[in-house]
Protein backbone atom coordinates (compact mmCIF):
# COMPACT_ATOMS: atom_id res chain seq x y z
CA MET A 1 -19.79 0.58 85.96
CA THR A 2 -20.47 2.78 83.07
CA LYS A 3 -17.74 4.85 82.01
CA LEU A 4 -18.81 8.44 81.61
CA LEU A 5 -16.91 11.42 80.09
CA ILE A 6 -18.08 14.69 81.23
CA VAL A 7 -17.01 17.39 78.60
CA ASP A 8 -17.54 21.32 79.81
CA ASP A 9 -15.04 24.15 79.65
CA SER A 10 -16.30 25.38 83.05
CA ALA A 11 -14.53 23.78 86.12
CA LEU A 12 -17.66 24.75 88.17
CA MET A 13 -19.74 22.68 85.89
CA ARG A 14 -17.21 19.92 85.67
CA ARG A 15 -17.14 19.75 89.42
CA GLN A 16 -21.02 19.67 89.85
CA LEU A 17 -21.84 17.21 87.41
CA THR A 18 -19.20 14.93 88.83
CA GLN A 19 -20.32 15.41 92.13
CA LEU A 20 -23.83 14.47 90.74
CA PHE A 21 -22.78 11.32 89.01
CA ALA A 22 -20.45 10.00 91.63
CA SER A 23 -23.45 10.13 93.97
CA ALA A 24 -24.92 7.78 91.68
CA GLY A 25 -22.81 5.11 92.41
CA ASP A 26 -22.37 3.43 89.38
CA PHE A 27 -20.24 5.80 87.20
CA GLU A 28 -16.83 5.82 86.20
CA ILE A 29 -16.05 9.45 85.22
CA LEU A 30 -13.38 11.43 83.71
CA GLN A 31 -13.31 15.20 82.69
CA ALA A 32 -12.57 17.04 79.47
CA ARG A 33 -12.18 20.95 79.39
CA ASN A 34 -13.02 21.20 75.52
CA GLY A 35 -13.87 19.25 72.24
CA ARG A 36 -10.33 18.69 71.49
CA GLU A 37 -10.11 16.71 74.62
CA ALA A 38 -13.03 14.97 73.98
CA VAL A 39 -12.13 13.67 70.76
CA GLU A 40 -8.95 12.69 72.49
CA GLN A 41 -10.25 10.81 75.63
CA ASN A 42 -12.72 8.95 73.54
CA ARG A 43 -9.88 7.54 71.90
CA LEU A 44 -7.80 6.65 75.18
CA PHE A 45 -10.83 6.59 78.02
CA GLN A 46 -13.19 4.76 76.02
CA PRO A 47 -16.24 5.79 77.53
CA ASP A 48 -19.51 4.28 77.29
CA VAL A 49 -21.54 7.75 77.40
CA VAL A 50 -20.55 11.22 76.98
CA THR A 51 -22.43 14.48 78.40
CA LEU A 52 -21.25 17.31 75.74
CA ASP A 53 -21.32 20.91 76.30
CA ILE A 54 -21.81 22.65 73.01
CA ASN A 55 -20.01 26.19 73.56
CA MET A 56 -16.59 25.88 74.14
CA PRO A 57 -13.02 27.20 73.34
CA GLU A 58 -10.34 25.53 71.18
CA MET A 59 -13.10 22.95 69.68
CA ASP A 60 -16.95 23.38 70.39
CA GLY A 61 -19.00 20.57 70.93
CA LEU A 62 -20.61 20.41 67.33
CA THR A 63 -17.15 20.18 65.82
CA ALA A 64 -15.92 17.32 68.58
CA LEU A 65 -19.21 15.32 68.18
CA SER A 66 -18.83 15.09 64.12
CA GLN A 67 -15.35 13.98 65.03
CA ILE A 68 -16.46 11.47 67.88
CA MET A 69 -19.39 9.89 65.38
CA VAL A 70 -16.32 9.23 62.80
CA GLU A 71 -13.68 8.11 64.85
CA ARG A 72 -15.28 6.27 67.58
CA PRO A 73 -19.16 6.38 67.78
CA ILE A 74 -20.72 6.43 70.92
CA PRO A 75 -23.65 7.80 72.70
CA VAL A 76 -23.77 11.45 73.38
CA VAL A 77 -26.06 13.65 75.62
CA MET A 78 -25.84 17.44 74.92
CA VAL A 79 -25.70 19.77 77.65
CA SER A 80 -27.26 22.92 76.16
CA SER A 81 -27.95 26.67 77.22
CA LEU A 82 -32.20 27.67 77.40
CA THR A 83 -31.85 30.03 74.23
CA GLU A 84 -32.90 30.10 70.77
CA LYS A 85 -29.64 29.73 69.50
CA GLY A 86 -28.94 26.61 71.99
CA ALA A 87 -32.30 24.95 70.49
CA LEU A 88 -30.71 25.26 67.04
CA ALA A 89 -27.36 23.89 67.94
CA THR A 90 -28.88 20.95 70.08
CA PHE A 91 -31.10 20.38 66.92
CA GLU A 92 -27.89 20.36 64.98
CA ALA A 93 -26.05 18.02 67.51
CA LEU A 94 -29.06 15.64 67.08
CA SER A 95 -28.96 15.37 63.33
CA LEU A 96 -25.19 14.89 63.84
CA GLY A 97 -25.97 11.59 65.82
CA ALA A 98 -26.69 12.75 69.41
CA VAL A 99 -28.87 10.49 71.29
CA ASP A 100 -30.64 13.18 73.84
CA PHE A 101 -29.98 16.73 75.21
CA ILE A 102 -30.54 18.26 78.68
CA VAL A 103 -30.90 22.04 79.23
CA LYS A 104 -28.85 23.98 81.72
CA PRO A 105 -31.47 25.04 84.46
CA GLY A 106 -29.44 28.61 85.08
CA GLY A 107 -27.74 29.49 81.70
CA THR A 108 -24.24 28.63 80.19
CA ILE A 109 -22.99 28.41 84.18
CA SER A 110 -25.43 26.63 86.42
CA LEU A 111 -25.32 27.14 89.91
CA SER A 112 -28.73 24.91 90.26
CA ILE A 113 -27.99 21.31 88.55
CA ASP A 114 -29.77 19.93 91.41
CA GLU A 115 -32.79 20.90 89.92
CA ILE A 116 -32.23 18.47 86.80
CA GLY A 117 -30.29 15.92 88.66
CA ASP A 118 -32.61 13.00 88.52
CA VAL A 119 -33.74 13.72 85.00
CA LEU A 120 -30.08 14.04 83.76
CA ILE A 121 -28.92 10.54 85.56
CA SER A 122 -31.85 8.92 83.74
CA LYS A 123 -31.02 10.35 80.51
CA VAL A 124 -27.24 9.23 80.78
CA ARG A 125 -28.40 6.02 81.79
CA ALA A 126 -30.89 5.41 78.95
CA ALA A 127 -28.29 6.96 76.42
CA ALA A 128 -25.40 4.48 77.51
CA ARG A 129 -27.81 1.82 76.74
CA ALA A 130 -29.16 3.26 73.27
CA ARG A 131 -28.94 2.19 69.71
CA LEU A 132 -26.90 4.55 67.47
CA ARG A 133 -28.70 5.04 64.39
CA LYS A 134 -27.18 5.74 60.94
CA LYS A 135 -28.45 8.36 58.60
CA PRO A 136 -30.83 6.59 56.07
CA SER A 137 -29.10 6.12 52.80
CA GLY A 138 -31.96 7.65 51.09
CA VAL A 139 -31.69 11.07 52.41
CA ARG A 140 -30.19 12.65 49.54
CA SER A 141 -32.63 11.24 47.15
CA LEU A 142 -35.41 12.33 49.53
CA ILE A 143 -34.25 15.76 49.36
CA THR A 144 -34.40 16.13 45.64
CA ARG A 145 -37.89 14.66 45.73
CA ILE A 146 -38.52 17.31 48.22
CA ALA A 147 -36.99 20.00 46.26
CA ALA A 148 -39.01 18.86 42.95
CA ASP A 149 -42.50 18.81 45.06
CA LYS A 150 -41.86 22.30 46.47
CA ASP A 151 -44.42 24.07 43.76
CA ALA A 152 -47.29 21.34 44.70
CA THR A 153 -46.51 21.65 48.35
CA GLU A 154 -46.57 25.76 48.61
CA ALA A 155 -49.80 25.39 46.48
CA ARG A 156 -51.00 23.26 49.24
CA ARG A 157 -50.10 25.30 52.01
CA SER A 158 -51.66 28.18 50.46
CA THR A 159 -55.19 26.53 50.61
CA ARG A 160 -56.96 25.95 53.56
CA ALA A 161 -57.42 22.31 53.93
CA ALA A 162 -60.66 20.41 54.02
CA PRO A 163 -62.20 18.87 57.28
CA THR A 164 -60.43 15.63 58.18
CA ASN A 165 -62.03 12.12 58.05
CA GLY A 166 -59.08 10.80 60.23
CA VAL A 167 -56.18 11.56 62.63
CA VAL A 168 -52.70 10.36 63.23
CA VAL A 169 -51.23 10.82 66.61
CA ILE A 170 -47.71 10.20 67.33
CA GLY A 171 -46.11 9.77 70.71
CA VAL A 172 -42.14 10.28 71.32
CA SER A 173 -39.22 11.00 73.42
CA THR A 174 -35.57 9.99 73.50
CA GLY A 175 -34.11 9.93 70.11
CA GLY A 176 -37.17 11.97 68.44
CA PRO A 177 -36.38 14.60 66.53
CA ARG A 178 -33.95 12.54 64.24
CA THR A 179 -36.45 9.94 63.90
CA LEU A 180 -39.13 12.39 63.34
CA ASP A 181 -36.84 13.97 60.43
CA ASP A 182 -36.55 10.41 59.15
CA ILE A 183 -40.60 9.98 58.69
CA LEU A 184 -42.33 13.16 58.14
CA PRO A 185 -40.35 14.20 55.26
CA ALA A 186 -41.55 11.00 53.69
CA LEU A 187 -45.41 11.94 53.67
CA PRO A 188 -46.49 13.45 50.46
CA ALA A 189 -48.26 17.01 50.21
CA SER A 190 -51.37 15.21 49.29
CA PHE A 191 -51.50 13.12 52.69
CA PRO A 192 -55.07 13.62 53.78
CA TRP A 193 -54.89 13.45 57.56
CA PRO A 194 -53.84 15.78 60.12
CA VAL A 195 -50.80 14.49 62.39
CA LEU A 196 -50.95 15.61 66.07
CA ILE A 197 -47.43 15.03 67.76
CA ALA A 198 -46.43 14.98 71.62
CA GLN A 199 -42.57 15.06 71.44
CA HIS A 200 -41.05 15.45 75.16
CA MET A 201 -39.22 18.60 74.87
CA PRO A 202 -38.64 21.81 76.95
CA ALA A 203 -40.79 25.06 75.66
CA ALA A 204 -37.81 26.79 74.47
CA PHE A 205 -37.40 24.04 71.54
CA THR A 206 -40.57 22.96 70.18
CA LYS A 207 -40.99 26.39 68.27
CA ALA A 208 -37.41 25.90 66.48
CA PHE A 209 -38.22 22.17 66.34
CA ALA A 210 -41.32 23.01 64.27
CA GLU A 211 -39.63 25.40 62.38
CA ARG A 212 -36.90 23.14 61.33
CA LEU A 213 -39.47 20.22 60.44
CA ASN A 214 -41.43 22.82 58.34
CA GLN A 215 -38.62 23.53 56.25
CA ASN A 216 -38.04 19.90 55.60
CA CYS A 217 -41.42 18.60 55.06
CA ARG A 218 -43.93 18.76 52.20
CA LEU A 219 -46.86 19.20 54.82
CA ARG A 220 -47.20 22.37 56.51
CA VAL A 221 -45.48 21.98 60.31
CA VAL A 222 -46.63 24.20 63.14
CA GLU A 223 -46.12 24.49 67.08
CA VAL A 224 -49.40 24.67 68.92
CA SER A 225 -48.96 27.66 71.25
CA SER A 226 -52.85 28.74 71.26
CA PRO A 227 -56.18 26.82 70.19
CA THR A 228 -55.79 25.75 66.70
CA PRO A 229 -58.31 24.25 64.46
CA VAL A 230 -57.24 21.03 63.14
CA GLU A 231 -57.10 20.76 59.08
CA ALA A 232 -55.89 17.73 56.98
CA GLY A 233 -52.23 17.90 55.82
CA THR A 234 -50.90 19.67 58.53
CA VAL A 235 -48.50 18.51 61.44
CA TYR A 236 -48.88 20.02 64.95
CA ILE A 237 -46.32 19.70 67.15
CA ALA A 238 -47.38 19.91 71.14
CA ARG A 239 -45.64 23.08 72.55
CA GLY A 240 -43.03 22.04 75.38
CA GLY A 241 -43.58 22.99 79.05
CA ALA A 242 -47.41 22.29 78.48
CA ASP A 243 -49.89 19.39 77.48
CA MET A 244 -52.04 19.29 74.40
CA VAL A 245 -55.40 17.89 73.96
CA LEU A 246 -58.02 17.72 71.37
CA THR A 247 -61.41 19.14 71.82
CA GLN A 248 -64.29 20.18 69.88
CA ARG A 249 -65.00 24.09 69.22
CA VAL A 250 -67.91 25.44 67.18
CA LYS A 251 -68.26 21.85 65.60
CA LYS A 252 -64.66 21.97 64.49
CA LEU A 253 -61.77 19.82 65.96
CA THR A 254 -59.29 22.23 67.85
CA LEU A 255 -55.82 21.54 69.69
CA VAL A 256 -55.81 23.57 72.78
CA PRO A 257 -52.53 23.66 74.84
CA GLN A 258 -53.01 23.57 78.95
CA PRO A 259 -50.88 23.77 82.02
CA GLU A 260 -48.83 20.61 82.54
CA ASN A 261 -50.85 17.97 84.39
CA ALA A 262 -49.32 16.62 87.46
CA GLN A 263 -50.92 13.31 87.11
CA HIS A 264 -48.53 12.78 84.16
CA LEU A 265 -44.86 12.05 84.60
CA TRP A 266 -43.63 13.22 80.77
CA HIS A 267 -44.74 16.43 79.26
CA PRO A 268 -46.25 17.08 76.61
CA SER A 269 -48.19 13.88 77.65
CA VAL A 270 -48.83 11.62 74.93
CA GLU A 271 -51.19 9.60 77.10
CA LEU A 272 -53.50 13.00 77.43
CA LEU A 273 -53.57 13.71 73.73
CA GLY A 274 -54.30 10.13 73.04
CA ARG A 275 -57.09 10.35 75.27
CA SER A 276 -58.49 13.42 73.92
CA VAL A 277 -58.40 11.75 70.43
CA LEU A 278 -60.52 8.99 71.75
CA GLU A 279 -62.87 11.09 73.37
CA HIS A 280 -63.52 13.41 69.81
CA CYS A 281 -62.74 11.02 67.13
CA ASP A 282 -64.04 7.59 65.94
CA PRO A 283 -61.43 5.42 67.08
CA ALA A 284 -61.68 3.37 63.56
CA SER A 285 -60.37 6.70 62.18
CA VAL A 286 -57.49 7.10 64.45
CA ILE A 287 -53.84 5.94 63.71
CA GLY A 288 -51.38 5.81 66.84
CA VAL A 289 -47.78 5.70 66.12
CA MET A 290 -45.38 5.02 69.35
CA LEU A 291 -42.09 6.08 68.46
CA THR A 292 -38.80 5.68 70.46
CA GLY A 293 -38.49 7.20 73.82
CA MET A 294 -37.87 5.97 77.64
CA GLY A 295 -40.88 4.98 79.93
CA SER A 296 -44.49 3.93 79.05
CA ASP A 297 -46.34 7.57 78.17
CA GLY A 298 -49.24 6.82 75.83
CA ALA A 299 -48.86 3.10 75.89
CA GLU A 300 -52.49 2.79 77.73
CA ALA A 301 -54.37 5.22 75.49
CA PHE A 302 -52.73 3.60 72.22
CA ALA A 303 -53.50 0.14 73.33
CA GLU A 304 -57.22 1.61 73.82
CA ILE A 305 -57.05 2.73 70.21
CA LYS A 306 -56.22 -0.60 68.86
CA GLN A 307 -58.71 -2.30 71.20
CA ARG A 308 -61.70 0.01 69.89
CA GLY A 309 -60.75 -0.16 66.38
CA GLY A 310 -58.01 1.86 65.37
CA ARG A 311 -54.66 0.96 64.27
CA THR A 312 -51.31 1.24 65.70
CA ILE A 313 -47.80 1.03 64.78
CA ALA A 314 -44.99 0.45 67.33
CA GLU A 315 -41.39 1.45 66.22
CA SER A 316 -39.23 -1.77 66.11
CA GLU A 317 -36.34 -2.25 68.85
CA ASP A 318 -34.04 -2.62 65.38
CA THR A 319 -34.38 1.24 65.17
CA ALA A 320 -35.38 2.98 67.92
CA VAL A 321 -32.76 4.72 69.65
CA VAL A 322 -34.38 3.77 73.42
CA PHE A 323 -37.13 0.55 73.03
CA GLY A 324 -39.02 1.75 76.04
CA MET A 325 -42.04 3.23 75.01
CA PRO A 326 -42.90 0.92 71.72
CA LYS A 327 -42.15 -1.95 73.86
CA GLU A 328 -44.71 -1.01 76.53
CA LEU A 329 -47.12 -0.59 73.93
CA ILE A 330 -46.27 -3.73 72.32
CA ASN A 331 -46.27 -5.78 76.13
CA ARG A 332 -49.78 -4.21 76.33
CA ARG A 333 -51.14 -6.15 72.76
CA GLY A 334 -51.60 -2.38 71.63
CA ALA A 335 -49.51 -2.62 68.50
CA SER A 336 -51.24 -3.53 64.86
CA VAL A 337 -47.69 -3.70 63.59
CA VAL A 338 -44.06 -3.29 64.42
CA LEU A 339 -41.95 -1.42 62.01
CA ALA A 340 -38.58 0.02 61.37
CA ALA A 341 -38.64 3.70 61.16
CA ASP A 342 -37.98 3.83 57.51
CA LYS A 343 -40.98 1.76 57.24
CA ILE A 344 -43.45 3.74 58.94
CA ALA A 345 -44.18 6.92 56.49
CA GLY A 346 -45.25 4.03 53.71
CA GLN A 347 -47.40 2.48 55.97
CA LEU A 348 -49.27 5.60 56.95
CA ASN A 349 -49.98 6.59 53.42
CA HIS A 350 -51.15 3.58 52.66
CA TRP A 351 -53.78 3.16 55.66
CA ALA A 352 -55.07 7.01 55.63
CA ALA A 353 -55.60 6.27 51.59
CA ARG A 354 -57.82 3.55 52.32
């Protein structure tokens, strides 16, 4: 049995979530009404995993999370409202150490929790098995280097980049925001290839996610919400609630968002993005990077990138929050190299410079 602590100030939400997980049959459940009780029950009940609301009286979810991660770190899934404010708070929670998040379908107090029931159960089960990541020791020095490089970065952003000779495509899901926070800021302003990212995430969150990354990276980071020509030295985040594909328009590589393809389980689809890159780029000039996440999205396309002469990286089990997606790529013999998250930027710099 998995010991689950449900933390929410709404009695209705606590009851709905308890009923949902009780019906799954493999959870021992305890409830807490606010962050203060959550911190206390983390000590006493010693849960394997926690679902944690953000907005609560006495002690909010972010404060509780920071204390939990200091006193007794455990996997936490945030339960967020579908708002811009909720998105910003969720990314703060992920940076503090939360493993994943789920969006309430009906707002702060949801009467339609069944709409996300299966997804929430799968996320909590995956979180209970997840590897908690420590913040890299080099973060402070990295921030210093980024500040020192600010003038060069702004100069690069103000000049339209030259056509690209290669493409980096990244697939990522559970644990992705924090992992990308470790990798993308380590790419220099002179990085010569565009970076295309399919991160499984709701529509209301990807714009805030791209803006947050843009503040922390030397490269320009944008959300693709309309047809966008591809330029070297820019990071493109697929818009949530849609899929993103690469195509040719007026002899230019262009990223195009399109409605979710029902043939694929996860969105934005890594598999669709990878297939479109193979269709319009020389595979020998493609680097595929498979990061942390549940499932197998993108494994077939990335394995084909390697088979056709491209290069691929699978994040190692040592650093992956959830080893599902990288493991699937490795199992298909589709990984050129297997690397810890803090080694990936260096490998990308090496390959793109050749």
